[in-house]
Amino acid sequence: MLDRPRIVVTLHGPEQAAQEEPTWASFDTYLDAVRLAGGDPVPLDPTASDTERREALATMDGLLLPGGADLDPALYGEEPHPAVAVEGERDDLELAAWTAARELGVPIFGVCRGFQAINVFSGGRLVQHLDGHDSPTSAPQAHPLHLDPGSRLAAILGETEPLRRTEVNSYHHQAVRPDDLAPGLVASARRRRAGRSVGGGRSG
């Protein structure tokens, strides 16, 4: 039997978890999803020792960056908007993990904040705040998502032919506009066909 791939999953620290509403306090669903997909999740949070970090990052077969607090706008050269809430220690952890994953050449998957982290770490920027787009987990906002029919994502989601449109939930107040996308990254889906944002999230 082949070994299950080791997937590092970055988590928020205990202090941040204590501040989150129950839906975001635990990341167990991410770990369970990795197991169900055949992987061996390796949780890593900002309290991990240097030795634990080095071992996890040196032996990973993939990296999952989940949702969570906002990225520090200083990472893309901006002053923070009053609505921004950051977790600096997690930013440092995820930047190190992303850098290690790039050096190893292993896949990186970002969900919500994680998608934004990939963009920022790659040299892109974020829209720091969208009025009316920070919804509680008890009432997620649904909106249409238009997919590039030629993308790998559209092919994966379509049963018999590429999926062109779907609906997703979000709890976000940030986004990535086409002009904010990092060099080398390609948007596979957009909230609007000719809209300003290609995605967003505070926690996902």
N, C-alpha and C. Protein backbone atom coordinates (compact mmCIF):
# COMPACT_ATOMS: atom_id res chain seq x y z
N MET A 1 0.84 -1.20 0.00
CA MET A 1 0.00 0.00 0.00
C MET A 1 0.88 1.25 0.00
N LEU A 2 0.52 2.19 -0.83
CA LEU A 2 1.25 3.44 -0.86
C LEU A 2 1.00 4.24 0.40
N ASP A 3 2.01 4.99 0.84
CA ASP A 3 1.84 5.86 1.99
C ASP A 3 0.86 6.97 1.66
N ARG A 4 0.07 7.36 2.65
CA ARG A 4 -0.85 8.47 2.45
C ARG A 4 -0.04 9.76 2.39
N PRO A 5 -0.32 10.65 1.45
CA PRO A 5 0.43 11.91 1.35
C PRO A 5 0.24 12.76 2.60
N ARG A 6 1.34 13.33 3.05
CA ARG A 6 1.32 14.18 4.24
C ARG A 6 0.96 15.61 3.82
N ILE A 7 -0.19 16.09 4.29
CA ILE A 7 -0.66 17.42 3.92
C ILE A 7 -0.61 18.33 5.14
N VAL A 8 0.28 19.31 5.10
CA VAL A 8 0.35 20.29 6.19
C VAL A 8 -0.87 21.21 6.10
N VAL A 9 -1.56 21.36 7.23
CA VAL A 9 -2.73 22.24 7.32
C VAL A 9 -2.43 23.31 8.36
N THR A 10 -2.34 24.55 7.94
CA THR A 10 -2.02 25.63 8.87
C THR A 10 -3.29 26.07 9.60
N LEU A 11 -3.16 26.24 10.91
CA LEU A 11 -4.30 26.59 11.76
C LEU A 11 -4.04 27.89 12.49
N HIS A 12 -5.11 28.52 12.98
CA HIS A 12 -4.88 29.69 13.81
C HIS A 12 -4.46 29.25 15.20
N GLY A 13 -3.85 30.18 15.93
CA GLY A 13 -3.38 29.88 17.27
C GLY A 13 -4.51 29.87 18.29
N PRO A 14 -4.25 29.37 19.50
CA PRO A 14 -5.28 29.28 20.54
C PRO A 14 -5.93 30.61 20.88
N GLU A 15 -5.14 31.69 20.90
CA GLU A 15 -5.70 33.01 21.24
C GLU A 15 -6.70 33.45 20.19
N GLN A 16 -6.38 33.27 18.92
CA GLN A 16 -7.30 33.63 17.85
C GLN A 16 -8.53 32.74 17.88
N ALA A 17 -8.35 31.45 18.13
CA ALA A 17 -9.47 30.52 18.18
C ALA A 17 -10.47 30.94 19.26
N ALA A 18 -9.97 31.44 20.38
CA ALA A 18 -10.84 31.84 21.49
C ALA A 18 -11.68 33.06 21.13
N GLN A 19 -11.24 33.84 20.15
CA GLN A 19 -11.96 35.04 19.75
C GLN A 19 -12.99 34.76 18.66
N GLU A 20 -12.90 33.60 18.02
CA GLU A 20 -13.76 33.30 16.89
C GLU A 20 -15.10 32.76 17.35
N GLU A 21 -16.13 32.94 16.52
CA GLU A 21 -17.40 32.30 16.80
C GLU A 21 -17.24 30.80 16.63
N PRO A 22 -18.13 30.00 17.23
CA PRO A 22 -17.94 28.54 17.25
C PRO A 22 -17.63 27.90 15.90
N THR A 23 -18.22 28.41 14.83
CA THR A 23 -18.01 27.81 13.51
C THR A 23 -16.54 27.81 13.12
N TRP A 24 -15.81 28.86 13.52
CA TRP A 24 -14.41 29.00 13.10
C TRP A 24 -13.42 28.66 14.21
N ALA A 25 -13.92 28.30 15.41
CA ALA A 25 -13.01 28.03 16.52
C ALA A 25 -12.19 26.76 16.28
N SER A 26 -12.78 25.79 15.58
CA SER A 26 -12.10 24.53 15.30
C SER A 26 -11.95 24.33 13.80
N PHE A 27 -10.81 23.78 13.40
CA PHE A 27 -10.57 23.49 11.99
C PHE A 27 -10.65 21.99 11.72
N ASP A 28 -11.38 21.26 12.58
CA ASP A 28 -11.46 19.81 12.43
C ASP A 28 -12.02 19.40 11.08
N THR A 29 -12.94 20.21 10.52
CA THR A 29 -13.53 19.84 9.23
C THR A 29 -12.48 19.80 8.13
N TYR A 30 -11.50 20.69 8.19
CA TYR A 30 -10.43 20.68 7.20
C TYR A 30 -9.61 19.38 7.33
N LEU A 31 -9.28 19.02 8.57
CA LEU A 31 -8.49 17.82 8.80
C LEU A 31 -9.27 16.58 8.37
N ASP A 32 -10.57 16.56 8.67
CA ASP A 32 -11.40 15.42 8.25
C ASP A 32 -11.47 15.32 6.73
N ALA A 33 -11.56 16.46 6.06
CA ALA A 33 -11.64 16.46 4.59
C ALA A 33 -10.36 15.89 3.98
N VAL A 34 -9.22 16.21 4.56
CA VAL A 34 -7.95 15.67 4.05
C VAL A 34 -7.93 14.15 4.22
N ARG A 35 -8.39 13.68 5.38
CA ARG A 35 -8.42 12.23 5.61
C ARG A 35 -9.35 11.53 4.62
N LEU A 36 -10.53 12.12 4.41
CA LEU A 36 -11.50 11.52 3.50
C LEU A 36 -10.96 11.47 2.07
N ALA A 37 -10.10 12.42 1.73
CA ALA A 37 -9.52 12.45 0.38
C ALA A 37 -8.30 11.54 0.26
N GLY A 38 -7.95 10.85 1.35
CA GLY A 38 -6.84 9.91 1.29
C GLY A 38 -5.52 10.44 1.80
N GLY A 39 -5.53 11.64 2.41
CA GLY A 39 -4.30 12.24 2.91
C GLY A 39 -4.12 12.06 4.40
N ASP A 40 -2.93 12.36 4.87
CA ASP A 40 -2.61 12.34 6.29
C ASP A 40 -2.38 13.79 6.72
N PRO A 41 -3.38 14.44 7.37
CA PRO A 41 -3.22 15.85 7.73
C PRO A 41 -2.17 16.05 8.82
N VAL A 42 -1.38 17.10 8.64
CA VAL A 42 -0.36 17.46 9.63
C VAL A 42 -0.68 18.87 10.10
N PRO A 43 -1.46 19.02 11.20
CA PRO A 43 -1.83 20.35 11.66
C PRO A 43 -0.63 21.11 12.21
N LEU A 44 -0.58 22.39 11.86
CA LEU A 44 0.53 23.23 12.29
C LEU A 44 -0.01 24.61 12.63
N ASP A 45 0.17 25.05 13.88
CA ASP A 45 -0.29 26.39 14.25
C ASP A 45 0.87 27.22 14.77
N PRO A 46 0.68 28.51 15.01
CA PRO A 46 1.79 29.38 15.40
C PRO A 46 2.52 28.99 16.68
N THR A 47 1.93 28.12 17.52
CA THR A 47 2.60 27.71 18.76
C THR A 47 3.60 26.58 18.52
N ALA A 48 3.64 26.02 17.31
CA ALA A 48 4.56 24.92 17.03
C ALA A 48 6.01 25.38 17.21
N SER A 49 6.84 24.51 17.72
CA SER A 49 8.25 24.84 17.92
C SER A 49 8.97 24.90 16.58
N ASP A 50 10.16 25.48 16.59
CA ASP A 50 10.94 25.56 15.36
C ASP A 50 11.22 24.16 14.81
N THR A 51 11.50 23.21 15.72
CA THR A 51 11.78 21.84 15.29
C THR A 51 10.55 21.21 14.64
N GLU A 52 9.37 21.41 15.24
CA GLU A 52 8.13 20.88 14.68
C GLU A 52 7.84 21.48 13.32
N ARG A 53 8.08 22.77 13.18
CA ARG A 53 7.86 23.42 11.90
C ARG A 53 8.78 22.86 10.82
N ARG A 54 10.07 22.78 11.15
CA ARG A 54 11.04 22.30 10.16
C ARG A 54 10.71 20.89 9.71
N GLU A 55 10.37 20.01 10.65
CA GLU A 55 10.07 18.62 10.30
C GLU A 55 8.81 18.54 9.43
N ALA A 56 7.76 19.27 9.82
CA ALA A 56 6.51 19.22 9.06
C ALA A 56 6.70 19.75 7.65
N LEU A 57 7.38 20.89 7.53
CA LEU A 57 7.52 21.53 6.22
C LEU A 57 8.50 20.79 5.32
N ALA A 58 9.48 20.11 5.92
CA ALA A 58 10.47 19.40 5.11
C ALA A 58 9.91 18.09 4.55
N THR A 59 8.87 17.55 5.18
CA THR A 59 8.36 16.23 4.78
C THR A 59 6.96 16.29 4.16
N MET A 60 6.43 17.47 3.92
CA MET A 60 5.06 17.57 3.40
C MET A 60 4.99 17.22 1.92
N ASP A 61 3.84 16.65 1.55
CA ASP A 61 3.56 16.35 0.14
C ASP A 61 2.57 17.35 -0.45
N GLY A 62 2.04 18.23 0.38
CA GLY A 62 1.10 19.25 -0.06
C GLY A 62 0.81 20.19 1.08
N LEU A 63 0.24 21.35 0.76
CA LEU A 63 -0.05 22.38 1.76
C LEU A 63 -1.47 22.88 1.59
N LEU A 64 -2.21 22.92 2.69
CA LEU A 64 -3.57 23.46 2.70
C LEU A 64 -3.59 24.69 3.60
N LEU A 65 -3.94 25.84 3.02
CA LEU A 65 -4.06 27.10 3.76
C LEU A 65 -5.55 27.39 3.93
N PRO A 66 -6.12 27.21 5.14
CA PRO A 66 -7.56 27.39 5.34
C PRO A 66 -7.96 28.85 5.53
N GLY A 67 -9.25 29.04 5.85
CA GLY A 67 -9.78 30.37 6.11
C GLY A 67 -9.35 30.89 7.47
N GLY A 68 -9.72 32.14 7.75
CA GLY A 68 -9.36 32.73 9.03
C GLY A 68 -9.33 34.23 8.98
N ALA A 69 -8.58 34.81 9.91
CA ALA A 69 -8.48 36.26 10.03
C ALA A 69 -7.81 36.87 8.80
N ASP A 70 -7.92 38.20 8.68
CA ASP A 70 -7.35 38.90 7.54
C ASP A 70 -5.82 38.86 7.55
N LEU A 71 -5.25 38.94 6.36
CA LEU A 71 -3.80 39.08 6.24
C LEU A 71 -3.41 40.52 6.57
N ASP A 72 -2.23 40.69 7.14
CA ASP A 72 -1.74 42.03 7.46
C ASP A 72 -1.51 42.80 6.15
N PRO A 73 -2.18 43.94 5.96
CA PRO A 73 -1.99 44.72 4.73
C PRO A 73 -0.55 45.16 4.49
N ALA A 74 0.26 45.18 5.55
CA ALA A 74 1.67 45.53 5.36
C ALA A 74 2.36 44.56 4.41
N LEU A 75 1.83 43.34 4.30
CA LEU A 75 2.41 42.35 3.39
C LEU A 75 2.29 42.76 1.94
N TYR A 76 1.31 43.63 1.64
CA TYR A 76 1.21 44.15 0.27
C TYR A 76 1.31 45.67 0.24
N GLY A 77 2.00 46.22 1.25
CA GLY A 77 2.40 47.62 1.23
C GLY A 77 1.31 48.63 1.49
N GLU A 78 0.30 48.27 2.28
CA GLU A 78 -0.79 49.20 2.57
C GLU A 78 -1.01 49.35 4.07
N GLU A 79 -1.58 50.49 4.45
CA GLU A 79 -2.02 50.70 5.83
C GLU A 79 -3.34 49.97 6.03
N PRO A 80 -3.62 49.46 7.24
CA PRO A 80 -4.84 48.68 7.44
C PRO A 80 -6.11 49.52 7.48
N HIS A 81 -7.16 49.00 6.87
CA HIS A 81 -8.49 49.58 6.99
C HIS A 81 -9.00 49.30 8.41
N PRO A 82 -9.84 50.18 8.98
CA PRO A 82 -10.34 49.96 10.35
C PRO A 82 -11.06 48.63 10.54
N ALA A 83 -11.61 48.06 9.48
CA ALA A 83 -12.36 46.80 9.61
C ALA A 83 -11.46 45.57 9.57
N VAL A 84 -10.19 45.75 9.32
CA VAL A 84 -9.28 44.61 9.18
C VAL A 84 -8.85 44.08 10.55
N ALA A 85 -8.91 42.77 10.71
CA ALA A 85 -8.46 42.09 11.94
C ALA A 85 -7.44 41.05 11.54
N VAL A 86 -6.20 41.20 12.00
CA VAL A 86 -5.11 40.34 11.53
C VAL A 86 -4.63 39.38 12.62
N GLU A 87 -3.89 38.36 12.19
CA GLU A 87 -3.23 37.41 13.07
C GLU A 87 -1.79 37.28 12.56
N GLY A 88 -0.93 38.18 13.04
CA GLY A 88 0.42 38.28 12.51
C GLY A 88 1.24 37.01 12.60
N GLU A 89 1.12 36.27 13.71
CA GLU A 89 1.91 35.06 13.86
C GLU A 89 1.52 34.00 12.83
N ARG A 90 0.23 33.98 12.50
CA ARG A 90 -0.20 33.03 11.47
C ARG A 90 0.30 33.47 10.10
N ASP A 91 0.32 34.78 9.84
CA ASP A 91 0.89 35.27 8.58
C ASP A 91 2.31 34.76 8.42
N ASP A 92 3.11 34.87 9.49
CA ASP A 92 4.51 34.43 9.44
C ASP A 92 4.61 32.94 9.18
N LEU A 93 3.78 32.16 9.88
CA LEU A 93 3.78 30.71 9.70
C LEU A 93 3.42 30.34 8.27
N GLU A 94 2.37 30.95 7.74
CA GLU A 94 1.90 30.57 6.41
C GLU A 94 2.84 31.05 5.31
N LEU A 95 3.50 32.17 5.51
CA LEU A 95 4.48 32.61 4.53
C LEU A 95 5.64 31.62 4.47
N ALA A 96 6.08 31.15 5.65
CA ALA A 96 7.16 30.16 5.70
C ALA A 96 6.71 28.85 5.05
N ALA A 97 5.47 28.45 5.32
CA ALA A 97 4.95 27.20 4.76
C ALA A 97 4.80 27.31 3.24
N TRP A 98 4.29 28.45 2.77
CA TRP A 98 4.13 28.67 1.33
C TRP A 98 5.48 28.66 0.63
N THR A 99 6.47 29.32 1.25
CA THR A 99 7.80 29.37 0.67
C THR A 99 8.40 27.97 0.58
N ALA A 100 8.25 27.18 1.65
CA ALA A 100 8.78 25.82 1.66
C ALA A 100 8.09 24.96 0.60
N ALA A 101 6.77 25.12 0.47
CA ALA A 101 6.02 24.34 -0.52
C ALA A 101 6.47 24.68 -1.94
N ARG A 102 6.71 25.95 -2.19
CA ARG A 102 7.19 26.36 -3.51
C ARG A 102 8.57 25.76 -3.79
N GLU A 103 9.43 25.77 -2.79
CA GLU A 103 10.78 25.23 -2.97
C GLU A 103 10.75 23.72 -3.21
N LEU A 104 9.80 23.02 -2.55
CA LEU A 104 9.67 21.58 -2.72
C LEU A 104 8.91 21.21 -3.99
N GLY A 105 8.15 22.17 -4.51
CA GLY A 105 7.36 21.90 -5.70
C GLY A 105 6.12 21.08 -5.44
N VAL A 106 5.55 21.19 -4.22
CA VAL A 106 4.35 20.42 -3.89
C VAL A 106 3.11 21.29 -4.09
N PRO A 107 1.93 20.67 -4.27
CA PRO A 107 0.70 21.44 -4.49
C PRO A 107 0.33 22.30 -3.28
N ILE A 108 -0.27 23.45 -3.56
CA ILE A 108 -0.76 24.37 -2.52
C ILE A 108 -2.22 24.65 -2.82
N PHE A 109 -3.08 24.46 -1.81
CA PHE A 109 -4.51 24.71 -1.97
C PHE A 109 -4.94 25.72 -0.91
N GLY A 110 -5.54 26.82 -1.35
CA GLY A 110 -5.98 27.86 -0.42
C GLY A 110 -7.49 27.99 -0.40
N VAL A 111 -8.07 28.05 0.78
CA VAL A 111 -9.51 28.24 0.95
C VAL A 111 -9.74 29.59 1.61
N CYS A 112 -10.46 30.47 0.94
CA CYS A 112 -10.84 31.78 1.47
C CYS A 112 -9.59 32.60 1.83
N ARG A 113 -9.29 32.77 3.12
CA ARG A 113 -8.08 33.48 3.49
C ARG A 113 -6.88 32.84 2.80
N GLY A 114 -6.88 31.51 2.71
CA GLY A 114 -5.76 30.81 2.10
C GLY A 114 -5.57 31.19 0.64
N PHE A 115 -6.68 31.35 -0.09
CA PHE A 115 -6.61 31.80 -1.48
C PHE A 115 -6.01 33.20 -1.54
N GLN A 116 -6.42 34.07 -0.60
CA GLN A 116 -5.89 35.42 -0.55
C GLN A 116 -4.41 35.42 -0.19
N ALA A 117 -4.02 34.49 0.71
CA ALA A 117 -2.62 34.39 1.10
C ALA A 117 -1.75 34.02 -0.10
N ILE A 118 -2.22 33.06 -0.89
CA ILE A 118 -1.46 32.67 -2.08
C ILE A 118 -1.25 33.88 -2.99
N ASN A 119 -2.29 34.69 -3.17
CA ASN A 119 -2.18 35.86 -4.02
C ASN A 119 -1.20 36.88 -3.45
N VAL A 120 -1.31 37.16 -2.16
CA VAL A 120 -0.43 38.15 -1.53
C VAL A 120 1.01 37.67 -1.51
N PHE A 121 1.23 36.41 -1.12
CA PHE A 121 2.60 35.89 -1.07
C PHE A 121 3.23 35.84 -2.46
N SER A 122 2.39 35.78 -3.49
CA SER A 122 2.90 35.73 -4.86
C SER A 122 3.12 37.13 -5.45
N GLY A 123 2.82 38.17 -4.66
CA GLY A 123 3.05 39.53 -5.12
C GLY A 123 1.80 40.31 -5.46
N GLY A 124 0.62 39.77 -5.12
CA GLY A 124 -0.63 40.47 -5.40
C GLY A 124 -1.12 41.29 -4.22
N ARG A 125 -2.32 41.87 -4.37
CA ARG A 125 -2.92 42.71 -3.32
C ARG A 125 -4.35 42.26 -3.07
N LEU A 126 -4.98 42.91 -2.08
CA LEU A 126 -6.37 42.62 -1.74
C LEU A 126 -7.17 43.91 -1.67
N VAL A 127 -8.46 43.81 -1.90
CA VAL A 127 -9.40 44.87 -1.52
C VAL A 127 -9.64 44.64 -0.03
N GLN A 128 -9.28 45.61 0.79
CA GLN A 128 -9.31 45.37 2.23
C GLN A 128 -10.71 45.29 2.83
N HIS A 129 -11.67 45.99 2.26
CA HIS A 129 -13.01 45.95 2.85
C HIS A 129 -14.08 46.24 1.80
N LEU A 130 -15.10 45.38 1.77
CA LEU A 130 -16.27 45.58 0.92
C LEU A 130 -17.47 45.78 1.84
N ASP A 131 -18.05 46.97 1.82
CA ASP A 131 -19.20 47.24 2.68
C ASP A 131 -20.32 46.24 2.44
N GLY A 132 -20.91 45.76 3.53
CA GLY A 132 -22.05 44.86 3.43
C GLY A 132 -21.71 43.44 3.06
N HIS A 133 -20.43 43.06 3.13
CA HIS A 133 -20.03 41.71 2.73
C HIS A 133 -19.40 40.92 3.86
N ASP A 134 -19.64 41.30 5.10
CA ASP A 134 -19.12 40.53 6.23
C ASP A 134 -20.31 39.91 6.94
N SER A 135 -20.72 38.72 6.53
CA SER A 135 -21.93 38.10 7.06
C SER A 135 -21.61 37.07 8.13
N PRO A 136 -22.48 36.89 9.13
CA PRO A 136 -22.27 35.87 10.16
C PRO A 136 -22.43 34.48 9.58
N THR A 137 -21.81 33.51 10.24
CA THR A 137 -21.88 32.15 9.73
C THR A 137 -23.29 31.59 9.82
N SER A 138 -24.13 32.19 10.64
CA SER A 138 -25.51 31.73 10.74
C SER A 138 -26.35 32.19 9.55
N ALA A 139 -25.83 33.15 8.78
CA ALA A 139 -26.57 33.67 7.63
C ALA A 139 -25.60 33.96 6.48
N PRO A 140 -25.00 32.92 5.91
CA PRO A 140 -24.04 33.14 4.83
C PRO A 140 -24.70 33.76 3.61
N GLN A 141 -23.96 34.61 2.93
CA GLN A 141 -24.47 35.23 1.72
C GLN A 141 -24.14 34.35 0.52
N ALA A 142 -25.14 34.06 -0.28
CA ALA A 142 -24.93 33.26 -1.49
C ALA A 142 -24.83 34.18 -2.69
N HIS A 143 -23.95 33.85 -3.60
CA HIS A 143 -23.84 34.64 -4.83
C HIS A 143 -23.36 33.76 -5.97
N PRO A 144 -23.68 34.14 -7.20
CA PRO A 144 -23.28 33.32 -8.35
C PRO A 144 -21.77 33.41 -8.59
N LEU A 145 -21.22 32.33 -9.08
CA LEU A 145 -19.81 32.28 -9.43
C LEU A 145 -19.71 31.81 -10.87
N HIS A 146 -19.09 32.63 -11.72
CA HIS A 146 -18.96 32.32 -13.13
C HIS A 146 -17.57 31.72 -13.39
N LEU A 147 -17.56 30.55 -13.97
CA LEU A 147 -16.31 29.83 -14.19
C LEU A 147 -15.82 29.97 -15.62
N ASP A 148 -14.51 29.99 -15.76
CA ASP A 148 -13.90 29.94 -17.09
C ASP A 148 -14.10 28.52 -17.61
N PRO A 149 -14.89 28.33 -18.69
CA PRO A 149 -15.20 26.98 -19.16
C PRO A 149 -13.97 26.19 -19.60
N GLY A 150 -12.88 26.89 -19.86
CA GLY A 150 -11.66 26.21 -20.28
C GLY A 150 -10.74 25.87 -19.12
N SER A 151 -11.18 26.18 -17.89
CA SER A 151 -10.31 25.95 -16.73
C SER A 151 -10.40 24.52 -16.22
N ARG A 152 -9.40 24.12 -15.47
CA ARG A 152 -9.40 22.80 -14.84
C ARG A 152 -10.52 22.70 -13.81
N LEU A 153 -10.79 23.81 -13.12
CA LEU A 153 -11.86 23.83 -12.13
C LEU A 153 -13.20 23.52 -12.76
N ALA A 154 -13.49 24.15 -13.89
CA ALA A 154 -14.77 23.91 -14.58
C ALA A 154 -14.89 22.46 -15.02
N ALA A 155 -13.77 21.86 -15.44
CA ALA A 155 -13.79 20.47 -15.88
C ALA A 155 -14.03 19.53 -14.70
N ILE A 156 -13.44 19.85 -13.55
CA ILE A 156 -13.60 19.00 -12.37
C ILE A 156 -15.03 19.06 -11.85
N LEU A 157 -15.62 20.25 -11.84
CA LEU A 157 -16.96 20.42 -11.28
C LEU A 157 -18.07 19.99 -12.22
N GLY A 158 -17.81 19.98 -13.52
CA GLY A 158 -18.83 19.56 -14.49
C GLY A 158 -18.90 18.05 -14.59
N GLU A 159 -20.12 17.51 -14.65
CA GLU A 159 -20.27 16.05 -14.71
C GLU A 159 -20.05 15.51 -16.13
N THR A 160 -20.66 16.16 -17.12
CA THR A 160 -20.51 15.69 -18.50
C THR A 160 -19.84 16.73 -19.39
N GLU A 161 -19.85 17.97 -18.99
CA GLU A 161 -19.19 19.05 -19.74
C GLU A 161 -18.78 20.12 -18.74
N PRO A 162 -17.85 21.01 -19.12
CA PRO A 162 -17.37 22.02 -18.17
C PRO A 162 -18.50 22.84 -17.56
N LEU A 163 -18.44 23.03 -16.25
CA LEU A 163 -19.44 23.84 -15.55
C LEU A 163 -19.13 25.31 -15.79
N ARG A 164 -20.15 26.08 -16.12
CA ARG A 164 -19.95 27.49 -16.43
C ARG A 164 -20.40 28.41 -15.30
N ARG A 165 -21.31 27.94 -14.47
CA ARG A 165 -21.84 28.81 -13.42
C ARG A 165 -22.28 27.95 -12.24
N THR A 166 -22.03 28.44 -11.04
CA THR A 166 -22.50 27.77 -9.83
C THR A 166 -22.80 28.83 -8.78
N GLU A 167 -23.21 28.40 -7.62
CA GLU A 167 -23.50 29.33 -6.52
C GLU A 167 -22.68 28.93 -5.31
N VAL A 168 -22.10 29.91 -4.65
CA VAL A 168 -21.26 29.63 -3.48
C VAL A 168 -21.68 30.52 -2.31
N ASN A 169 -21.37 30.06 -1.10
CA ASN A 169 -21.58 30.86 0.10
C ASN A 169 -20.30 31.60 0.44
N SER A 170 -20.43 32.72 1.09
CA SER A 170 -19.24 33.43 1.55
C SER A 170 -19.57 34.24 2.80
N TYR A 171 -18.53 34.43 3.61
CA TYR A 171 -18.65 35.23 4.84
C TYR A 171 -17.62 36.35 4.78
N HIS A 172 -17.35 36.83 3.58
CA HIS A 172 -16.17 37.65 3.37
C HIS A 172 -16.42 39.15 3.42
N HIS A 173 -15.34 39.88 3.62
CA HIS A 173 -15.40 41.34 3.47
C HIS A 173 -14.19 41.83 2.68
N GLN A 174 -13.44 40.89 2.12
CA GLN A 174 -12.30 41.26 1.29
C GLN A 174 -12.39 40.54 -0.05
N ALA A 175 -11.57 40.96 -1.00
CA ALA A 175 -11.65 40.37 -2.34
C ALA A 175 -10.36 40.61 -3.10
N VAL A 176 -10.27 39.95 -4.24
CA VAL A 176 -9.16 40.16 -5.18
C VAL A 176 -9.76 40.61 -6.50
N ARG A 177 -9.41 41.81 -6.94
CA ARG A 177 -9.83 42.29 -8.25
C ARG A 177 -8.86 41.80 -9.32
N PRO A 178 -9.28 41.80 -10.58
CA PRO A 178 -8.35 41.36 -11.63
C PRO A 178 -7.02 42.09 -11.60
N ASP A 179 -7.04 43.39 -11.33
CA ASP A 179 -5.80 44.17 -11.30
C ASP A 179 -4.94 43.85 -10.08
N ASP A 180 -5.53 43.19 -9.07
CA ASP A 180 -4.80 42.84 -7.85
C ASP A 180 -4.15 41.46 -7.92
N LEU A 181 -4.49 40.70 -8.96
CA LEU A 181 -4.00 39.33 -9.07
C LEU A 181 -2.48 39.33 -9.29
N ALA A 182 -1.79 38.46 -8.56
CA ALA A 182 -0.34 38.39 -8.65
C ALA A 182 0.13 37.91 -10.02
N PRO A 183 1.29 38.35 -10.47
CA PRO A 183 1.84 37.87 -11.73
C PRO A 183 1.97 36.35 -11.71
N GLY A 184 1.56 35.71 -12.79
CA GLY A 184 1.67 34.26 -12.87
C GLY A 184 0.43 33.50 -12.42
N LEU A 185 -0.48 34.19 -11.72
CA LEU A 185 -1.72 33.53 -11.29
C LEU A 185 -2.82 33.80 -12.31
N VAL A 186 -3.73 32.85 -12.47
CA VAL A 186 -4.83 32.96 -13.42
C VAL A 186 -6.14 32.72 -12.69
N ALA A 187 -7.11 33.59 -12.89
CA ALA A 187 -8.42 33.44 -12.26
C ALA A 187 -9.25 32.42 -13.04
N SER A 188 -9.73 31.39 -12.33
CA SER A 188 -10.58 30.38 -12.96
C SER A 188 -12.05 30.66 -12.78
N ALA A 189 -12.39 31.59 -11.86
CA ALA A 189 -13.79 31.91 -11.60
C ALA A 189 -13.88 33.35 -11.10
N ARG A 190 -15.02 33.96 -11.37
CA ARG A 190 -15.25 35.34 -10.95
C ARG A 190 -16.65 35.45 -10.37
N ARG A 191 -16.80 36.39 -9.46
CA ARG A 191 -18.13 36.61 -8.90
C ARG A 191 -19.07 37.16 -9.97
N ARG A 192 -18.56 38.04 -10.82
CA ARG A 192 -19.34 38.58 -11.94
C ARG A 192 -18.48 38.47 -13.19
N ARG A 193 -19.13 38.27 -14.31
CA ARG A 193 -18.38 38.09 -15.56
C ARG A 193 -17.49 39.29 -15.87
N ALA A 194 -18.03 40.47 -15.66
CA ALA A 194 -17.24 41.67 -15.94
C ALA A 194 -17.04 42.45 -14.65
N GLY A 195 -17.03 41.76 -13.54
CA GLY A 195 -16.99 42.42 -12.24
C GLY A 195 -15.61 42.80 -11.79
N ARG A 196 -15.58 43.32 -10.57
CA ARG A 196 -14.33 43.82 -10.04
C ARG A 196 -13.53 42.78 -9.26
N SER A 197 -14.23 41.77 -8.75
CA SER A 197 -13.52 40.84 -7.87
C SER A 197 -13.49 39.45 -8.46
N VAL A 198 -12.41 38.71 -8.14
CA VAL A 198 -12.31 37.32 -8.54
C VAL A 198 -12.49 36.40 -7.33
N GLY A 199 -12.62 36.94 -6.18
CA GLY A 199 -12.86 36.11 -4.99
C GLY A 199 -12.63 36.90 -3.74
N GLY A 200 -13.04 36.34 -2.62
CA GLY A 200 -12.82 37.06 -1.37
C GLY A 200 -13.08 36.19 -0.17
N GLY A 201 -12.68 36.70 1.01
CA GLY A 201 -12.98 35.94 2.21
C GLY A 201 -12.33 36.50 3.45
N ARG A 202 -13.01 36.36 4.58
CA ARG A 202 -12.39 36.60 5.86
C ARG A 202 -12.15 35.26 6.52
N SER A 203 -13.11 34.40 6.44
CA SER A 203 -12.94 33.03 6.92
C SER A 203 -13.74 32.13 6.02
N GLY A 204 -13.25 30.92 5.80
CA GLY A 204 -13.93 30.13 4.82
C GLY A 204 -14.01 28.66 5.16
